[in-house]
Every structure is written in structure tokens, then in C-alpha cells.
Amino acid sequence: MTSKAAFALLVVITTGLMGSSFAIGKIGLSYVSPLLLVGIRFTLAGLLMIAIVTALRRPHPKQFSDWLQIFWIGTFQTAGVMGAIFLSLRTITAGESAILTFMNPLLVVVFGTLALGIRYRFIQWTGVLLGFIGVVITMGGELQLEIGTLFGFISAVFWAIATLLIKSWGNRFDIWVLTAYQMLFGGILLLLGSAFLEDMKLVLNPTSVSIIIWLAVMASIVQFAIWFYLLQNGNPGKVSAFLFLAPFFGVISGWGLLGEQLGFTLLIGGMLIFLGIFLVNWPEKPAKEPAIDPLH
């Protein structure tokens, strides 16, 4: 297998794991309440990753302020994003949830400009405009939206905030250690949220246990490992441009696993959002003032 073919295969695997987790998670809601399911997923994934980074002697933070920053990243990236996703899956399709969640690169451009004064290129703003038009079309342009639509949008907002926090703080941490502990902290917050905010439901059988293990290991640890490998061994801008494949796989897996309908507005709107994400992450040629990649 050539290096390009191997790269393409890894891109498909990692984005496929990202996207399919929406449909698999929606199946899991038949057995486990939303916050409890995602809380178990990331607490388990975090503990497993902590065992790995400890065994590999990866450098851990020394100061309390560093741990606090990891906690805040976990609050937004894991507890906020994933909690909102799984709450959205109660009332909207896996495909719709994936499309709304993965519009976060578009929001990064908006928030980065307003909050941090980051300057983005015209092609990136074109992507933002196309993406938001796609969201309106995807939702059918209706004024009466499902509560899941709101949660899907909130997940994208939380992800954009987490991305900007990682931009500001992430370079002081080992990326594997950061990932492990932010997942654990977020998972614990989700378990607490489940205890206080929802009627907890947990049905343990071979199907539900398999779903939890798949989400914790394959859709979290393995997916992150492949994604980080691609970022470290390729051009981050070019790699990030392939993120548009994740909501595509979310829509396809929802159709294949759950029988969700691929309506005309979903297809057209989704294509515009995919194009918008692609343009937002379009690699920039060397210039005097290189623009910041909104995903890293």
C-alpha cells in the first residue's frame, strides 16, 4: 500500500469513527439515558488513556493552574459538546445532529474574530457564509425547531469555545495527556449531571455493553489516536480539511443503521455545510501573515 493510500485509509477510518458514533450513540439511548451513556463512555476512555500515558511516562502538568486549564477544556470539549450531542439525539436524527455539531469550524472563525481578534481570509469567510446557509436549508427553513436542534447547535458552540481554549493553552501540555485527562474530567461531570439532571436508566445486556465499549475504545481512543497521528505526520491544514467527511459519515450511518430518511433539504444543506467546512480549513500558501487554522 502506498503512503498516499495509507493516508487516505486512515482519514476514512478516523472520520468514519467520528461520524458513525452519532448513529451508534442513538442506538445506545434505547438502553442508557443520554448523560449517563456519554458519561460512562468518556470516564472509561479517560481512565484507559491515563493508564496508557502513565505507562509511557508522558509528561504530566506540575502546577494546579495547568490542571485547572485541562479541567475547563474537559468541561467544554467533553462535558459540553458530548452532553449536548447525546441530548440532541433524543429528538433529531443522527445525521442532523452530526451536521449541526460539525459546523463548529465555522463558529471558530466567528468567535476567533470577535473574541481574539484573529484575522481570517476571504475564502474562510466564504466557507462560513455557505455553511450557515446550509444549516438553514438543512433544518428546512422552519421557525419551529425541535429541542434537539438547539442542543445540536449548542454542541457546536461548546466545541468552538473548546477549540479556542486549546489554541490558547494547549501548547503547554503533552497532547496525549491533555486528551486523557480532559476526557476523564468531562466524563465525571457528565456522570454528576446524569445523577442530578435526568432520570437515570441503565439496561445492561450484550448490546448495550458492546455499544459502550465501542464508543469508549473505538470512537474515542482509537479515533483520537489516528487523528493525532495524521496531524503530526501530515500538513495540519490539509488534514483538517477532511473533517467535512465526519458529518457525511454521520448522515450515511444514520441512514444505514437507523433507516433515517435522506431528505432533499438535508442533502443540499449538508453539502453546503461540507463545502463551508472545507473552505474554512483550506490550507494557506506561505505568506507574510499566515492565517490561523480554525481547528488547531
C-alpha atoms as a PDB file:
ATOM      1  CA  MET A   1       0.000   0.000   0.000  1.00  0.00           C
ATOM      2  CA  THR A   2       1.412   3.396  -0.964  1.00  0.00           C
ATOM      3  CA  SER A   3       1.797   6.158   1.607  1.00  0.00           C
ATOM      4  CA  LYS A   4      -0.996   8.163  -0.041  1.00  0.00           C
ATOM      5  CA  ALA A   5      -3.320   5.161   0.011  1.00  0.00           C
ATOM      6  CA  ALA A   6      -2.484   4.500   3.672  1.00  0.00           C
ATOM      7  CA  PHE A   7      -3.119   8.165   4.486  1.00  0.00           C
ATOM      8  CA  ALA A   8      -6.479   8.077   2.697  1.00  0.00           C
ATOM      9  CA  LEU A   9      -7.451   4.871   4.516  1.00  0.00           C
ATOM     10  CA  LEU A  10      -6.613   6.383   7.920  1.00  0.00           C
ATOM     11  CA  VAL A  11      -8.606   9.521   7.069  1.00  0.00           C
ATOM     12  CA  VAL A  12     -11.640   7.400   6.194  1.00  0.00           C
ATOM     13  CA  ILE A  13     -11.274   5.307   9.356  1.00  0.00           C
ATOM     14  CA  THR A  14     -10.966   8.238  11.777  1.00  0.00           C
ATOM     15  CA  THR A  15     -13.720  10.376  10.192  1.00  0.00           C
ATOM     16  CA  GLY A  16     -15.875   7.256   9.843  1.00  0.00           C
ATOM     17  CA  LEU A  17     -15.490   6.571  13.569  1.00  0.00           C
ATOM     18  CA  MET A  18     -16.334  10.221  14.330  1.00  0.00           C
ATOM     19  CA  GLY A  19     -19.445  10.234  12.188  1.00  0.00           C
ATOM     20  CA  SER A  20     -20.798   6.762  12.960  1.00  0.00           C
ATOM     21  CA  SER A  21     -20.668   7.419  16.715  1.00  0.00           C
ATOM     22  CA  PHE A  22     -23.844   9.510  16.327  1.00  0.00           C
ATOM     23  CA  ALA A  23     -25.907   6.607  14.995  1.00  0.00           C
ATOM     24  CA  ILE A  24     -24.368   4.094  17.410  1.00  0.00           C
ATOM     25  CA  GLY A  25     -24.953   6.514  20.276  1.00  0.00           C
ATOM     26  CA  LYS A  26     -28.580   6.929  19.265  1.00  0.00           C
ATOM     27  CA  ILE A  27     -28.997   3.138  19.382  1.00  0.00           C
ATOM     28  CA  GLY A  28     -27.440   3.177  22.847  1.00  0.00           C
ATOM     29  CA  LEU A  29     -30.115   5.587  24.098  1.00  0.00           C
ATOM     30  CA  SER A  30     -32.562   2.673  23.999  1.00  0.00           C
ATOM     31  CA  TYR A  31     -30.651   1.165  26.917  1.00  0.00           C
ATOM     32  CA  VAL A  32     -28.932   4.046  28.740  1.00  0.00           C
ATOM     33  CA  SER A  33     -30.047   7.613  29.485  1.00  0.00           C
ATOM     34  CA  PRO A  34     -28.127  10.250  27.460  1.00  0.00           C
ATOM     35  CA  LEU A  35     -25.865  11.875  30.053  1.00  0.00           C
ATOM     36  CA  LEU A  36     -25.174   8.553  31.775  1.00  0.00           C
ATOM     37  CA  LEU A  37     -24.218   6.891  28.480  1.00  0.00           C
ATOM     38  CA  VAL A  38     -21.788   9.597  27.405  1.00  0.00           C
ATOM     39  CA  GLY A  39     -20.509   9.940  30.980  1.00  0.00           C
ATOM     40  CA  ILE A  40     -19.647   6.244  31.161  1.00  0.00           C
ATOM     41  CA  ARG A  41     -18.096   6.437  27.696  1.00  0.00           C
ATOM     42  CA  PHE A  42     -15.635   9.206  28.483  1.00  0.00           C
ATOM     43  CA  THR A  43     -14.888   8.233  32.060  1.00  0.00           C
ATOM     44  CA  LEU A  44     -13.910   4.785  30.799  1.00  0.00           C
ATOM     45  CA  ALA A  45     -11.980   6.220  27.838  1.00  0.00           C
ATOM     46  CA  GLY A  46     -10.209   8.715  30.080  1.00  0.00           C
ATOM     47  CA  LEU A  47      -9.153   6.071  32.602  1.00  0.00           C
ATOM     48  CA  LEU A  48      -7.829   3.809  29.841  1.00  0.00           C
ATOM     49  CA  MET A  49      -5.869   6.654  28.242  1.00  0.00           C
ATOM     50  CA  ILE A  50      -4.482   7.771  31.610  1.00  0.00           C
ATOM     51  CA  ALA A  51      -3.186   4.243  32.167  1.00  0.00           C
ATOM     52  CA  ILE A  52      -1.513   4.387  28.738  1.00  0.00           C
ATOM     53  CA  VAL A  53       0.110   7.823  29.137  1.00  0.00           C
ATOM     54  CA  THR A  54       1.277   6.892  32.645  1.00  0.00           C
ATOM     55  CA  ALA A  55       2.832   3.652  31.410  1.00  0.00           C
ATOM     56  CA  LEU A  56       4.544   5.567  28.584  1.00  0.00           C
ATOM     57  CA  ARG A  57       5.793   8.188  31.082  1.00  0.00           C
ATOM     58  CA  ARG A  58       4.333  11.078  29.129  1.00  0.00           C
ATOM     59  CA  PRO A  59       4.990  14.432  30.886  1.00  0.00           C
ATOM     60  CA  HIS A  60       2.190  15.461  33.241  1.00  0.00           C
ATOM     61  CA  PRO A  61       1.396  19.018  34.400  1.00  0.00           C
ATOM     62  CA  LYS A  62       3.084  20.166  37.611  1.00  0.00           C
ATOM     63  CA  GLN A  63       1.062  23.200  38.616  1.00  0.00           C
ATOM     64  CA  PHE A  64      -2.515  23.433  39.848  1.00  0.00           C
ATOM     65  CA  SER A  65      -3.262  26.174  37.302  1.00  0.00           C
ATOM     66  CA  ASP A  66      -2.351  23.769  34.500  1.00  0.00           C
ATOM     67  CA  TRP A  67      -4.715  21.123  35.832  1.00  0.00           C
ATOM     68  CA  LEU A  68      -7.421  23.773  36.106  1.00  0.00           C
ATOM     69  CA  GLN A  69      -6.998  24.659  32.444  1.00  0.00           C
ATOM     70  CA  ILE A  70      -7.308  20.977  31.484  1.00  0.00           C
ATOM     71  CA  PHE A  71     -10.457  20.826  33.616  1.00  0.00           C
ATOM     72  CA  TRP A  72     -12.001  23.767  31.726  1.00  0.00           C
ATOM     73  CA  ILE A  73     -11.112  22.226  28.388  1.00  0.00           C
ATOM     74  CA  GLY A  74     -12.779  18.992  29.522  1.00  0.00           C
ATOM     75  CA  THR A  75     -15.812  20.959  30.697  1.00  0.00           C
ATOM     76  CA  PHE A  76     -16.411  22.397  27.231  1.00  0.00           C
ATOM     77  CA  GLN A  77     -14.881  19.738  24.923  1.00  0.00           C
ATOM     78  CA  THR A  78     -16.221  16.584  26.573  1.00  0.00           C
ATOM     79  CA  ALA A  79     -18.982  17.515  29.026  1.00  0.00           C
ATOM     80  CA  GLY A  80     -20.420  20.373  26.957  1.00  0.00           C
ATOM     81  CA  VAL A  81     -20.017  19.050  23.417  1.00  0.00           C
ATOM     82  CA  MET A  82     -20.783  15.401  24.052  1.00  0.00           C
ATOM     83  CA  GLY A  83     -23.540  16.030  26.569  1.00  0.00           C
ATOM     84  CA  ALA A  84     -25.335  18.316  24.105  1.00  0.00           C
ATOM     85  CA  ILE A  85     -24.868  15.811  21.264  1.00  0.00           C
ATOM     86  CA  PHE A  86     -26.445  12.936  23.139  1.00  0.00           C
ATOM     87  CA  LEU A  87     -29.288  15.126  24.384  1.00  0.00           C
ATOM     88  CA  SER A  88     -29.921  16.219  20.792  1.00  0.00           C
ATOM     89  CA  LEU A  89     -30.177  12.600  19.656  1.00  0.00           C
ATOM     90  CA  ARG A  90     -33.374  12.173  21.653  1.00  0.00           C
ATOM     91  CA  THR A  91     -35.407  14.303  19.249  1.00  0.00           C
ATOM     92  CA  ILE A  92     -33.475  14.691  15.971  1.00  0.00           C
ATOM     93  CA  THR A  93     -31.769  12.227  13.646  1.00  0.00           C
ATOM     94  CA  ALA A  94     -28.156  11.163  13.963  1.00  0.00           C
ATOM     95  CA  GLY A  95     -27.459  12.806  10.597  1.00  0.00           C
ATOM     96  CA  GLU A  96     -28.915  16.158  11.645  1.00  0.00           C
ATOM     97  CA  SER A  97     -27.019  16.077  14.934  1.00  0.00           C
ATOM     98  CA  ALA A  98     -23.735  15.299  13.154  1.00  0.00           C
ATOM     99  CA  ILE A  99     -24.230  18.125  10.651  1.00  0.00           C
ATOM    100  CA  LEU A 100     -25.029  20.671  13.369  1.00  0.00           C
ATOM    101  CA  THR A 101     -22.153  19.571  15.615  1.00  0.00           C
ATOM    102  CA  PHE A 102     -19.527  19.614  12.891  1.00  0.00           C
ATOM    103  CA  MET A 103     -20.342  23.166  11.888  1.00  0.00           C
ATOM    104  CA  ASN A 104     -18.017  24.126  14.776  1.00  0.00           C
ATOM    105  CA  PRO A 105     -15.148  25.200  12.439  1.00  0.00           C
ATOM    106  CA  LEU A 106     -17.487  27.859  11.072  1.00  0.00           C
ATOM    107  CA  LEU A 107     -18.170  29.153  14.581  1.00  0.00           C
ATOM    108  CA  VAL A 108     -14.449  29.136  15.397  1.00  0.00           C
ATOM    109  CA  VAL A 109     -13.933  31.743  12.674  1.00  0.00           C
ATOM    110  CA  VAL A 110     -16.724  33.917  14.087  1.00  0.00           C
ATOM    111  CA  PHE A 111     -15.703  33.563  17.756  1.00  0.00           C
ATOM    112  CA  GLY A 112     -11.993  33.864  16.949  1.00  0.00           C
ATOM    113  CA  THR A 113     -12.638  37.168  15.185  1.00  0.00           C
ATOM    114  CA  LEU A 114     -14.915  38.601  17.874  1.00  0.00           C
ATOM    115  CA  ALA A 115     -13.104  37.362  20.989  1.00  0.00           C
ATOM    116  CA  LEU A 116      -9.450  37.113  19.972  1.00  0.00           C
ATOM    117  CA  GLY A 117      -9.191  39.477  17.016  1.00  0.00           C
ATOM    118  CA  ILE A 118      -7.861  36.717  14.749  1.00  0.00           C
ATOM    119  CA  ARG A 119      -7.812  37.671  11.069  1.00  0.00           C
ATOM    120  CA  TYR A 120      -9.162  35.101   8.646  1.00  0.00           C
ATOM    121  CA  ARG A 121      -9.039  35.028   4.871  1.00  0.00           C
ATOM    122  CA  PHE A 122     -11.826  35.767   2.425  1.00  0.00           C
ATOM    123  CA  ILE A 123     -12.102  32.109   1.432  1.00  0.00           C
ATOM    124  CA  GLN A 124     -12.671  31.174   5.074  1.00  0.00           C
ATOM    125  CA  TRP A 125     -15.455  33.748   5.486  1.00  0.00           C
ATOM    126  CA  THR A 126     -16.981  32.434   2.252  1.00  0.00           C
ATOM    127  CA  GLY A 127     -16.990  28.998   3.886  1.00  0.00           C
ATOM    128  CA  VAL A 128     -18.706  30.411   6.971  1.00  0.00           C
ATOM    129  CA  LEU A 129     -21.441  32.033   4.846  1.00  0.00           C
ATOM    130  CA  LEU A 130     -22.051  28.857   2.818  1.00  0.00           C
ATOM    131  CA  GLY A 131     -22.084  26.785   5.992  1.00  0.00           C
ATOM    132  CA  PHE A 132     -24.730  28.877   7.713  1.00  0.00           C
ATOM    133  CA  ILE A 133     -26.877  28.907   4.574  1.00  0.00           C
ATOM    134  CA  GLY A 134     -26.538  25.125   4.619  1.00  0.00           C
ATOM    135  CA  VAL A 135     -27.741  24.970   8.232  1.00  0.00           C
ATOM    136  CA  VAL A 136     -30.890  26.947   7.350  1.00  0.00           C
ATOM    137  CA  ILE A 137     -31.572  24.667   4.372  1.00  0.00           C
ATOM    138  CA  THR A 138     -30.850  21.521   6.384  1.00  0.00           C
ATOM    139  CA  MET A 139     -33.375  22.499   9.001  1.00  0.00           C
ATOM    140  CA  GLY A 140     -35.908  23.181   6.252  1.00  0.00           C
ATOM    141  CA  GLY A 141     -36.008  26.906   6.997  1.00  0.00           C
ATOM    142  CA  GLU A 142     -38.713  26.232   9.597  1.00  0.00           C
ATOM    143  CA  LEU A 143     -39.231  28.536  12.543  1.00  0.00           C
ATOM    144  CA  GLN A 144     -40.493  25.740  14.797  1.00  0.00           C
ATOM    145  CA  LEU A 145     -37.441  23.644  15.610  1.00  0.00           C
ATOM    146  CA  GLU A 146     -37.007  20.556  17.751  1.00  0.00           C
ATOM    147  CA  ILE A 147     -35.256  20.979  21.107  1.00  0.00           C
ATOM    148  CA  GLY A 148     -32.649  18.605  19.689  1.00  0.00           C
ATOM    149  CA  THR A 149     -31.822  21.202  17.041  1.00  0.00           C
ATOM    150  CA  LEU A 150     -30.938  23.649  19.805  1.00  0.00           C
ATOM    151  CA  PHE A 151     -28.774  21.082  21.569  1.00  0.00           C
ATOM    152  CA  GLY A 152     -27.047  20.253  18.276  1.00  0.00           C
ATOM    153  CA  PHE A 153     -26.201  23.907  17.745  1.00  0.00           C
ATOM    154  CA  ILE A 154     -25.070  24.273  21.377  1.00  0.00           C
ATOM    155  CA  SER A 155     -22.680  21.342  20.892  1.00  0.00           C
ATOM    156  CA  ALA A 156     -21.045  23.231  18.010  1.00  0.00           C
ATOM    157  CA  VAL A 157     -20.787  26.376  20.172  1.00  0.00           C
ATOM    158  CA  PHE A 158     -19.119  24.435  23.001  1.00  0.00           C
ATOM    159  CA  TRP A 159     -16.730  22.780  20.535  1.00  0.00           C
ATOM    160  CA  ALA A 160     -15.750  26.144  19.056  1.00  0.00           C
ATOM    161  CA  ILE A 161     -15.059  27.532  22.547  1.00  0.00           C
ATOM    162  CA  ALA A 162     -13.012  24.438  23.418  1.00  0.00           C
ATOM    163  CA  THR A 163     -11.023  24.829  20.192  1.00  0.00           C
ATOM    164  CA  LEU A 164     -10.119  28.415  21.096  1.00  0.00           C
ATOM    165  CA  LEU A 165      -9.151  27.347  24.636  1.00  0.00           C
ATOM    166  CA  ILE A 166      -6.893  24.645  23.202  1.00  0.00           C
ATOM    167  CA  LYS A 167      -5.382  27.257  20.864  1.00  0.00           C
ATOM    168  CA  SER A 168      -4.549  29.419  23.872  1.00  0.00           C
ATOM    169  CA  TRP A 169      -3.465  26.768  26.372  1.00  0.00           C
ATOM    170  CA  GLY A 170      -2.847  23.517  24.527  1.00  0.00           C
ATOM    171  CA  ASN A 171       0.783  24.073  23.524  1.00  0.00           C
ATOM    172  CA  ARG A 172       1.933  23.828  27.145  1.00  0.00           C
ATOM    173  CA  PHE A 173       0.643  20.245  27.506  1.00  0.00           C
ATOM    174  CA  ASP A 174       1.520  16.882  26.067  1.00  0.00           C
ATOM    175  CA  ILE A 175      -1.393  16.329  23.653  1.00  0.00           C
ATOM    176  CA  TRP A 176      -1.976  12.742  24.811  1.00  0.00           C
ATOM    177  CA  VAL A 177      -2.012  13.725  28.487  1.00  0.00           C
ATOM    178  CA  LEU A 178      -4.348  16.639  27.727  1.00  0.00           C
ATOM    179  CA  THR A 179      -6.720  14.354  25.825  1.00  0.00           C
ATOM    180  CA  ALA A 180      -6.741  11.690  28.539  1.00  0.00           C
ATOM    181  CA  TYR A 181      -7.468  13.963  31.481  1.00  0.00           C
ATOM    182  CA  GLN A 182      -9.913  16.268  29.729  1.00  0.00           C
ATOM    183  CA  MET A 183     -11.950  13.191  28.792  1.00  0.00           C
ATOM    184  CA  LEU A 184     -11.884  11.952  32.401  1.00  0.00           C
ATOM    185  CA  PHE A 185     -12.836  15.330  33.871  1.00  0.00           C
ATOM    186  CA  GLY A 186     -15.609  15.772  31.313  1.00  0.00           C
ATOM    187  CA  GLY A 187     -16.843  12.222  31.864  1.00  0.00           C
ATOM    188  CA  ILE A 188     -17.071  12.746  35.620  1.00  0.00           C
ATOM    189  CA  LEU A 189     -19.020  15.992  35.109  1.00  0.00           C
ATOM    190  CA  LEU A 190     -21.425  14.133  32.811  1.00  0.00           C
ATOM    191  CA  LEU A 191     -21.951  11.410  35.424  1.00  0.00           C
ATOM    192  CA  LEU A 192     -22.730  14.099  38.002  1.00  0.00           C
ATOM    193  CA  GLY A 193     -25.087  15.751  35.535  1.00  0.00           C
ATOM    194  CA  SER A 194     -26.837  12.439  34.990  1.00  0.00           C
ATOM    195  CA  ALA A 195     -27.284  11.956  38.733  1.00  0.00           C
ATOM    196  CA  PHE A 196     -28.868  15.369  39.243  1.00  0.00           C
ATOM    197  CA  LEU A 197     -30.476  16.299  35.914  1.00  0.00           C
ATOM    198  CA  GLU A 198     -32.055  13.187  34.409  1.00  0.00           C
ATOM    199  CA  ASP A 199     -33.960  10.041  35.258  1.00  0.00           C
ATOM    200  CA  MET A 200     -31.088   7.610  35.092  1.00  0.00           C
ATOM    201  CA  LYS A 201     -31.628   4.469  33.037  1.00  0.00           C
ATOM    202  CA  LEU A 202     -29.119   1.662  32.624  1.00  0.00           C
ATOM    203  CA  VAL A 203     -30.009  -1.620  30.957  1.00  0.00           C
ATOM    204  CA  LEU A 204     -27.020  -3.931  30.794  1.00  0.00           C
ATOM    205  CA  ASN A 205     -27.067  -6.612  28.118  1.00  0.00           C
ATOM    206  CA  PRO A 206     -24.648  -7.726  25.380  1.00  0.00           C
ATOM    207  CA  THR A 207     -25.871  -4.981  23.024  1.00  0.00           C
ATOM    208  CA  SER A 208     -25.599  -2.077  25.469  1.00  0.00           C
ATOM    209  CA  VAL A 209     -22.217  -3.224  26.806  1.00  0.00           C
ATOM    210  CA  SER A 210     -20.900  -3.596  23.240  1.00  0.00           C
ATOM    211  CA  ILE A 211     -22.093  -0.073  22.398  1.00  0.00           C
ATOM    212  CA  ILE A 212     -20.404   1.411  25.477  1.00  0.00           C
ATOM    213  CA  ILE A 213     -17.118  -0.374  24.738  1.00  0.00           C
ATOM    214  CA  TRP A 214     -17.243   0.635  21.073  1.00  0.00           C
ATOM    215  CA  LEU A 215     -17.883   4.286  21.934  1.00  0.00           C
ATOM    216  CA  ALA A 216     -15.171   4.368  24.623  1.00  0.00           C
ATOM    217  CA  VAL A 217     -12.457   2.469  22.777  1.00  0.00           C
ATOM    218  CA  MET A 218     -13.002   2.702  19.018  1.00  0.00           C
ATOM    219  CA  ALA A 219     -14.899   6.012  18.748  1.00  0.00           C
ATOM    220  CA  SER A 220     -12.792   7.773  21.395  1.00  0.00           C
ATOM    221  CA  ILE A 221      -9.299   6.346  21.988  1.00  0.00           C
ATOM    222  CA  VAL A 222      -8.650   4.797  18.558  1.00  0.00           C
ATOM    223  CA  GLN A 223     -10.273   7.681  16.706  1.00  0.00           C
ATOM    224  CA  PHE A 224      -8.206  10.285  18.615  1.00  0.00           C
ATOM    225  CA  ALA A 225      -5.016   8.267  18.160  1.00  0.00           C
ATOM    226  CA  ILE A 226      -5.425   8.091  14.378  1.00  0.00           C
ATOM    227  CA  TRP A 227      -6.423  11.765  14.119  1.00  0.00           C
ATOM    228  CA  PHE A 228      -3.410  12.938  16.127  1.00  0.00           C
ATOM    229  CA  TYR A 229      -1.132  10.672  14.098  1.00  0.00           C
ATOM    230  CA  LEU A 230      -2.396  12.255  10.865  1.00  0.00           C
ATOM    231  CA  LEU A 231      -1.946  15.766  12.276  1.00  0.00           C
ATOM    232  CA  GLN A 232       1.588  15.023  13.426  1.00  0.00           C
ATOM    233  CA  ASN A 233       2.666  13.306  10.210  1.00  0.00           C
ATOM    234  CA  GLY A 234       0.915  15.481   7.648  1.00  0.00           C
ATOM    235  CA  ASN A 235       0.067  19.097   6.952  1.00  0.00           C
ATOM    236  CA  PRO A 236      -2.440  20.080   9.696  1.00  0.00           C
ATOM    237  CA  GLY A 237      -4.332  22.383   7.335  1.00  0.00           C
ATOM    238  CA  LYS A 238      -4.766  19.720   4.685  1.00  0.00           C
ATOM    239  CA  VAL A 239      -5.673  17.063   7.269  1.00  0.00           C
ATOM    240  CA  SER A 240      -8.266  19.333   8.896  1.00  0.00           C
ATOM    241  CA  ALA A 241      -9.906  19.950   5.526  1.00  0.00           C
ATOM    242  CA  PHE A 242     -11.032  16.310   5.573  1.00  0.00           C
ATOM    243  CA  LEU A 243     -13.115  16.922   8.712  1.00  0.00           C
ATOM    244  CA  PHE A 244     -16.076  17.517   6.395  1.00  0.00           C
ATOM    245  CA  LEU A 245     -16.183  13.739   5.913  1.00  0.00           C
ATOM    246  CA  ALA A 246     -17.288  13.203   9.536  1.00  0.00           C
ATOM    247  CA  PRO A 247     -20.825  14.638   9.175  1.00  0.00           C
ATOM    248  CA  PHE A 248     -21.054  12.821   5.832  1.00  0.00           C
ATOM    249  CA  PHE A 249     -20.430   9.526   7.619  1.00  0.00           C
ATOM    250  CA  GLY A 250     -22.874  10.651  10.309  1.00  0.00           C
ATOM    251  CA  VAL A 251     -25.620  11.006   7.707  1.00  0.00           C
ATOM    252  CA  ILE A 252     -24.708   7.745   5.950  1.00  0.00           C
ATOM    253  CA  SER A 253     -24.534   5.721   9.178  1.00  0.00           C
ATOM    254  CA  GLY A 254     -27.868   7.172  10.305  1.00  0.00           C
ATOM    255  CA  TRP A 255     -29.367   6.007   7.032  1.00  0.00           C
ATOM    256  CA  GLY A 256     -27.689   2.585   7.106  1.00  0.00           C
ATOM    257  CA  LEU A 257     -28.068   1.721  10.805  1.00  0.00           C
ATOM    258  CA  LEU A 258     -31.269   3.545  11.722  1.00  0.00           C
ATOM    259  CA  GLY A 259     -33.125   3.857   8.429  1.00  0.00           C
ATOM    260  CA  GLU A 260     -33.156   7.656   8.647  1.00  0.00           C
ATOM    261  CA  GLN A 261     -34.523   9.359   5.561  1.00  0.00           C
ATOM    262  CA  LEU A 262     -32.163  11.362   3.357  1.00  0.00           C
ATOM    263  CA  GLY A 263     -34.446  14.259   2.518  1.00  0.00           C
ATOM    264  CA  PHE A 264     -33.687  16.786  -0.226  1.00  0.00           C
ATOM    265  CA  THR A 265     -33.097  19.663   2.213  1.00  0.00           C
ATOM    266  CA  LEU A 266     -30.778  17.504   4.329  1.00  0.00           C
ATOM    267  CA  LEU A 267     -28.689  16.541   1.304  1.00  0.00           C
ATOM    268  CA  ILE A 268     -28.446  20.051  -0.183  1.00  0.00           C
ATOM    269  CA  GLY A 269     -27.902  21.765   3.154  1.00  0.00           C
ATOM    270  CA  GLY A 270     -25.400  19.139   4.216  1.00  0.00           C
ATOM    271  CA  MET A 271     -23.408  19.582   1.005  1.00  0.00           C
ATOM    272  CA  LEU A 272     -23.200  23.347   1.602  1.00  0.00           C
ATOM    273  CA  ILE A 273     -22.013  22.767   5.183  1.00  0.00           C
ATOM    274  CA  PHE A 274     -19.409  20.245   3.995  1.00  0.00           C
ATOM    275  CA  LEU A 275     -18.199  22.767   1.403  1.00  0.00           C
ATOM    276  CA  GLY A 276     -18.110  25.502   4.032  1.00  0.00           C
ATOM    277  CA  ILE A 277     -16.003  23.379   6.404  1.00  0.00           C
ATOM    278  CA  PHE A 278     -13.667  22.507   3.533  1.00  0.00           C
ATOM    279  CA  LEU A 279     -13.177  26.174   2.609  1.00  0.00           C
ATOM    280  CA  VAL A 280     -12.669  27.246   6.224  1.00  0.00           C
ATOM    281  CA  ASN A 281      -9.835  24.736   6.507  1.00  0.00           C
ATOM    282  CA  TRP A 282      -8.334  25.433   3.076  1.00  0.00           C
ATOM    283  CA  PRO A 283      -4.533  25.456   3.529  1.00  0.00           C
ATOM    284  CA  GLU A 284      -2.906  28.828   3.012  1.00  0.00           C
ATOM    285  CA  LYS A 285       0.114  29.348   0.851  1.00  0.00           C
ATOM    286  CA  PRO A 286       3.152  30.819   2.657  1.00  0.00           C
ATOM    287  CA  ALA A 287       2.520  34.490   3.299  1.00  0.00           C
ATOM    288  CA  LYS A 288       3.731  37.338   5.465  1.00  0.00           C
ATOM    289  CA  GLU A 289       0.889  36.925   7.940  1.00  0.00           C
ATOM    290  CA  PRO A 290      -0.300  33.315   7.833  1.00  0.00           C
ATOM    291  CA  ALA A 291      -3.904  32.841   8.914  1.00  0.00           C
ATOM    292  CA  ILE A 292      -4.631  30.561  11.847  1.00  0.00           C
ATOM    293  CA  ASP A 293      -6.182  27.188  11.112  1.00  0.00           C
ATOM    294  CA  PRO A 294      -9.533  27.296  12.987  1.00  0.00           C
ATOM    295  CA  LEU A 295      -9.248  23.689  14.159  1.00  0.00           C
ATOM    296  CA  HIS A 296      -5.782  23.759  15.745  1.00  0.00           C
END
